Amino acid sequence: MMREVFIEADNIISPIGLTTDENFRNLTQGISGIQSHEKQAFSATPFHASLFNELTLPATEAGFTKFENILIASIQNALQQSQVNLADPTTVMIISTTKGNVSLLETEDSKGWNEENISLHHSAQKIADHFGYKGLPVVISNACISGLAAMLLGKRLIESGQYQNAVVAGADMITKFVLSGFQSFQAVSDEPCRPFDESRKGITLGEAAATVILTTQKGTGLIRFSGGAVSNDANHISGPSRSGEELS
């Protein structure tokens, strides 16, 4: 029988909050981080996005990129709510992201860094070392489902008995590369997004980091992670099959 998995602690860091509770409270009050931006380093034309600024960024540490610092802050907050220790060999660390330090490929943000810093495994190892993690951190980079795929991996590693706990964290930043990619798909709205609206014009991108700590230890009020799935219809890199023929 597979072991049950529970969410012991969590954190969200976004432009509208540095904790899960703060984000939820601001959302229920109608507060949004989406603003119009004119950043020539990102786009030749104005765009809407939810970006960190000097007031909304968590405290940073020297030697880490913005992407790495926000991940560290998110993991640290979640660990403070938990009994899980990343130095414990029964705990696995999983890092998820779509682009990581891709901004280092852009001349505007590359000073002082070398090619090694662009590698996702390098960022993950720096973060692991920061927390005294002795194992090899797992990196999941699978486009928009990276976070979900990382959580499912953590769940399965615990269910299989390989680990008792999993610290799963993910983050992504907005860069010229990221924004131009979505603009090339004509997917970015020229106004704040309106999900589920019949007249919606597209998506609005944002920056954030989040962490969940999974465990086998059942406690009062913990959420049971009951299941999830990832599928691939072998159709196209950016969209599902319209006919389902590939799966038939």
Protein backbone atom coordinates (compact mmCIF):
# COMPACT_ATOMS: atom_id res chain seq x y z
CA MET A 1 0.00 0.00 0.00
CA MET A 2 1.37 3.41 -0.99
CA ARG A 3 1.94 5.91 1.78
CA GLU A 4 -0.26 8.99 2.08
CA VAL A 5 1.35 12.34 1.29
CA PHE A 6 0.46 15.61 3.00
CA ILE A 7 1.27 19.28 2.42
CA GLU A 8 2.87 20.44 5.66
CA ALA A 9 3.81 24.00 4.70
CA ASP A 10 3.69 26.38 1.76
CA ASN A 11 4.76 29.80 0.58
CA ILE A 12 4.02 32.17 -2.28
CA ILE A 13 6.17 35.20 -3.08
CA SER A 14 4.73 37.54 -5.70
CA PRO A 15 4.51 41.28 -6.34
CA ILE A 16 1.45 41.39 -4.04
CA GLY A 17 2.84 39.45 -1.09
CA LEU A 18 5.77 37.62 0.50
CA THR A 19 3.68 34.86 2.12
CA THR A 20 0.75 32.69 1.10
CA ASP A 21 -1.54 34.45 3.58
CA GLU A 22 -0.52 37.91 2.36
CA ASN A 23 -1.13 36.95 -1.26
CA PHE A 24 -4.53 35.45 -0.45
CA ARG A 25 -5.57 38.46 1.62
CA ASN A 26 -4.62 40.92 -1.12
CA LEU A 27 -6.35 38.86 -3.80
CA THR A 28 -9.60 38.76 -1.82
CA GLN A 29 -9.37 42.55 -1.47
CA GLY A 30 -9.06 42.97 -5.23
CA ILE A 31 -5.41 44.04 -5.14
CA SER A 32 -3.49 43.21 -8.32
CA GLY A 33 0.20 43.37 -9.15
CA ILE A 34 -0.53 43.91 -12.86
CA GLN A 35 0.66 47.28 -14.14
CA SER A 36 1.54 48.88 -17.44
CA HIS A 37 5.31 48.94 -17.99
CA GLU A 38 7.59 50.76 -20.39
CA LYS A 39 10.87 48.84 -20.24
CA GLN A 40 12.93 49.08 -23.39
CA ALA A 41 15.16 46.27 -22.12
CA PHE A 42 12.11 43.98 -22.27
CA SER A 43 9.93 45.32 -25.08
CA ALA A 44 9.92 48.14 -27.63
CA THR A 45 6.26 48.79 -26.81
CA PRO A 46 4.43 49.16 -23.46
CA PHE A 47 3.15 45.92 -21.93
CA HIS A 48 1.14 44.78 -18.91
CA ALA A 49 2.75 42.42 -16.40
CA SER A 50 3.08 41.72 -12.69
CA LEU A 51 6.72 42.49 -11.90
CA PHE A 52 8.72 42.78 -8.69
CA ASN A 53 10.12 46.19 -7.80
CA GLU A 54 12.45 47.41 -5.05
CA LEU A 55 9.53 47.62 -2.60
CA THR A 56 8.07 44.18 -3.31
CA LEU A 57 11.32 42.19 -3.61
CA PRO A 58 12.34 40.09 -0.59
CA ALA A 59 15.76 40.66 0.98
CA THR A 60 18.57 39.47 -1.28
CA GLU A 61 21.96 37.89 -0.68
CA ALA A 62 25.18 38.58 -2.57
CA GLY A 63 26.34 35.95 -5.03
CA PHE A 64 22.84 34.93 -6.12
CA THR A 65 20.77 36.09 -9.08
CA LYS A 66 17.29 37.56 -8.69
CA PHE A 67 15.80 34.19 -9.68
CA GLU A 68 17.88 32.34 -7.09
CA ASN A 69 17.27 34.89 -4.33
CA ILE A 70 13.50 34.71 -4.69
CA LEU A 71 13.61 30.92 -4.61
CA ILE A 72 15.74 31.00 -1.46
CA ALA A 73 13.32 33.40 0.23
CA SER A 74 10.33 31.21 -0.63
CA ILE A 75 11.99 27.99 0.56
CA GLN A 76 13.15 29.67 3.76
CA ASN A 77 9.65 30.89 4.63
CA ALA A 78 8.15 27.44 4.07
CA LEU A 79 10.86 25.73 6.16
CA GLN A 80 10.15 28.12 9.04
CA GLN A 81 6.61 26.70 9.18
CA SER A 82 7.79 23.08 9.07
CA GLN A 83 9.71 20.47 11.04
CA VAL A 84 11.40 19.28 7.83
CA ASN A 85 15.17 19.77 7.59
CA LEU A 86 16.89 19.90 4.21
CA ALA A 87 20.05 18.46 5.78
CA ASP A 88 18.09 15.28 6.58
CA PRO A 89 18.90 12.52 4.03
CA THR A 90 15.22 11.46 4.08
CA THR A 91 14.30 14.79 2.44
CA VAL A 92 14.56 15.46 -1.31
CA MET A 93 14.87 18.92 -2.86
CA ILE A 94 13.12 19.55 -6.18
CA ILE A 95 13.48 22.82 -8.12
CA SER A 96 11.14 23.68 -10.99
CA THR A 97 11.32 26.50 -13.53
CA THR A 98 10.68 27.13 -17.19
CA LYS A 99 13.58 29.49 -17.90
CA GLY A 100 15.69 29.95 -14.74
CA ASN A 101 18.51 32.46 -15.30
CA VAL A 102 17.78 32.97 -18.99
CA SER A 103 18.17 36.73 -18.42
CA LEU A 104 21.92 36.15 -18.20
CA LEU A 105 21.89 35.52 -21.94
CA GLU A 106 20.79 39.13 -22.39
CA THR A 107 23.56 41.71 -22.33
CA GLU A 108 21.56 44.03 -20.05
CA ASP A 109 21.78 41.56 -17.14
CA SER A 110 24.90 39.49 -17.75
CA LYS A 111 27.71 41.51 -16.15
CA GLY A 112 29.66 39.58 -13.54
CA TRP A 113 28.26 36.16 -14.47
CA ASN A 114 29.69 33.35 -16.58
CA GLU A 115 28.08 30.69 -18.76
CA GLU A 116 27.92 28.20 -15.89
CA ASN A 117 25.42 30.42 -14.08
CA ILE A 118 22.90 29.96 -16.89
CA SER A 119 22.61 26.21 -16.28
CA LEU A 120 19.56 25.17 -14.25
CA HIS A 121 21.52 22.50 -12.39
CA HIS A 122 24.05 25.14 -11.34
CA SER A 123 21.35 27.35 -9.81
CA ALA A 124 19.77 24.35 -8.08
CA GLN A 125 23.12 23.32 -6.59
CA LYS A 126 23.81 26.85 -5.31
CA ILE A 127 20.42 26.87 -3.58
CA ALA A 128 20.97 23.36 -2.21
CA ASP A 129 24.36 24.36 -0.79
CA HIS A 130 22.81 27.44 0.81
CA PHE A 131 20.46 25.22 2.84
CA GLY A 132 23.04 22.53 3.62
CA TYR A 133 21.37 19.95 1.39
CA LYS A 134 23.77 17.03 0.89
CA GLY A 135 22.03 15.21 -1.93
CA LEU A 136 21.75 16.06 -5.61
CA PRO A 137 18.83 18.46 -6.18
CA VAL A 138 16.33 17.42 -8.83
CA VAL A 139 15.49 19.95 -11.55
CA ILE A 140 12.19 19.88 -13.45
CA SER A 141 11.81 22.15 -16.49
CA ASN A 142 8.73 21.25 -18.48
CA ALA A 143 7.23 24.52 -19.73
CA CYS A 144 4.05 25.71 -18.02
CA ILE A 145 3.51 22.47 -16.07
CA SER A 146 6.95 22.48 -14.43
CA GLY A 147 5.53 23.18 -10.97
CA LEU A 148 2.84 20.52 -11.18
CA ALA A 149 5.29 17.96 -12.57
CA ALA A 150 7.70 18.71 -9.70
CA MET A 151 4.97 18.25 -7.09
CA LEU A 152 3.91 14.94 -8.62
CA LEU A 153 7.51 13.73 -8.66
CA GLY A 154 7.89 14.63 -4.99
CA LYS A 155 4.67 12.78 -4.18
CA ARG A 156 5.78 9.66 -6.04
CA LEU A 157 9.24 9.63 -4.47
CA ILE A 158 7.59 9.68 -1.04
CA GLU A 159 4.96 7.07 -1.96
CA SER A 160 7.68 4.73 -3.23
CA GLY A 161 9.51 4.91 0.09
CA GLN A 162 12.63 6.62 -1.27
CA TYR A 163 12.07 9.71 0.88
CA GLN A 164 9.90 10.81 3.78
CA ASN A 165 9.75 14.48 2.82
CA ALA A 166 10.07 16.65 -0.28
CA VAL A 167 10.77 20.36 -0.53
CA VAL A 168 9.38 21.42 -3.90
CA ALA A 169 10.03 24.99 -5.06
CA GLY A 170 9.61 26.86 -8.32
CA ALA A 171 10.12 30.34 -9.73
CA ASP A 172 10.20 32.29 -12.96
CA MET A 173 11.11 35.86 -13.84
CA ILE A 174 10.00 38.01 -16.76
CA THR A 175 12.77 38.75 -19.25
CA LYS A 176 13.00 40.02 -22.80
CA PHE A 177 13.36 36.41 -23.97
CA VAL A 178 10.24 35.26 -22.11
CA LEU A 179 8.06 38.23 -23.05
CA SER A 180 9.06 38.22 -26.73
CA GLY A 181 8.31 34.50 -26.93
CA PHE A 182 4.71 34.96 -25.80
CA GLN A 183 4.38 38.08 -27.95
CA SER A 184 5.45 36.06 -30.99
CA PHE A 185 2.50 33.73 -30.29
CA GLN A 186 0.27 36.84 -30.13
CA ALA A 187 -0.78 35.53 -26.72
CA VAL A 188 -0.15 38.64 -24.60
CA SER A 189 -3.10 40.94 -23.91
CA ASP A 190 -2.65 44.68 -24.47
CA GLU A 191 -4.61 45.26 -21.27
CA PRO A 192 -4.81 43.41 -17.91
CA CYS A 193 -6.00 39.87 -18.55
CA ARG A 194 -9.66 38.92 -18.02
CA PRO A 195 -9.76 35.14 -17.41
CA PHE A 196 -12.96 33.35 -18.48
CA ASP A 197 -14.27 36.54 -20.12
CA GLU A 198 -15.86 36.01 -23.52
CA SER A 199 -14.07 39.15 -24.76
CA ARG A 200 -10.66 38.32 -23.32
CA LYS A 201 -7.64 39.33 -25.40
CA GLY A 202 -4.92 37.07 -24.05
CA ILE A 203 -2.73 36.43 -21.02
CA THR A 204 -0.74 38.65 -18.68
CA LEU A 205 2.66 37.40 -17.52
CA GLY A 206 3.97 37.69 -13.98
CA GLU A 207 6.90 36.93 -11.68
CA ALA A 208 6.65 34.72 -8.61
CA ALA A 209 8.14 31.92 -6.55
CA ALA A 210 6.36 29.24 -4.53
CA THR A 211 7.25 26.32 -2.28
CA VAL A 212 5.37 23.35 -0.86
CA ILE A 213 6.73 20.90 1.69
CA LEU A 214 5.40 17.37 1.29
CA THR A 215 5.60 14.78 4.05
CA THR A 216 4.34 11.40 5.18
CA GLN A 217 3.75 12.73 8.69
CA LYS A 218 0.03 13.22 9.16
CA GLY A 219 -0.86 16.21 11.30
CA THR A 220 -3.93 18.15 12.33
CA GLY A 221 -5.23 20.39 9.57
CA LEU A 222 -2.80 19.19 6.90
CA ILE A 223 -3.98 18.87 3.31
CA ARG A 224 -3.71 15.40 1.80
CA PHE A 225 -2.12 15.36 -1.66
CA SER A 226 -4.46 12.80 -3.21
CA GLY A 227 -3.27 12.72 -6.81
CA GLY A 228 -2.52 14.33 -10.13
CA ALA A 229 -1.43 13.51 -13.66
CA VAL A 230 0.63 14.75 -16.59
CA SER A 231 -0.06 13.64 -20.16
CA ASN A 232 1.55 14.14 -23.55
CA ASP A 233 -0.37 13.64 -26.79
CA ALA A 234 2.79 13.75 -28.98
CA ASN A 235 1.26 16.46 -31.15
CA HIS A 236 3.01 19.84 -30.92
CA ILE A 237 5.42 21.74 -28.69
CA SER A 238 2.97 24.54 -27.84
CA GLY A 239 -0.54 23.11 -28.16
CA PRO A 240 -2.67 19.99 -27.76
CA SER A 241 -4.14 18.08 -30.68
CA ARG A 242 -7.47 19.47 -31.86
CA SER A 243 -8.65 16.06 -33.04
CA GLY A 244 -7.09 13.70 -30.50
CA GLU A 245 -5.88 11.56 -33.41
CA GLU A 246 -2.40 11.10 -31.90
CA LEU A 247 -3.84 9.37 -28.84
CA SER A 248 -6.41 7.26 -30.69
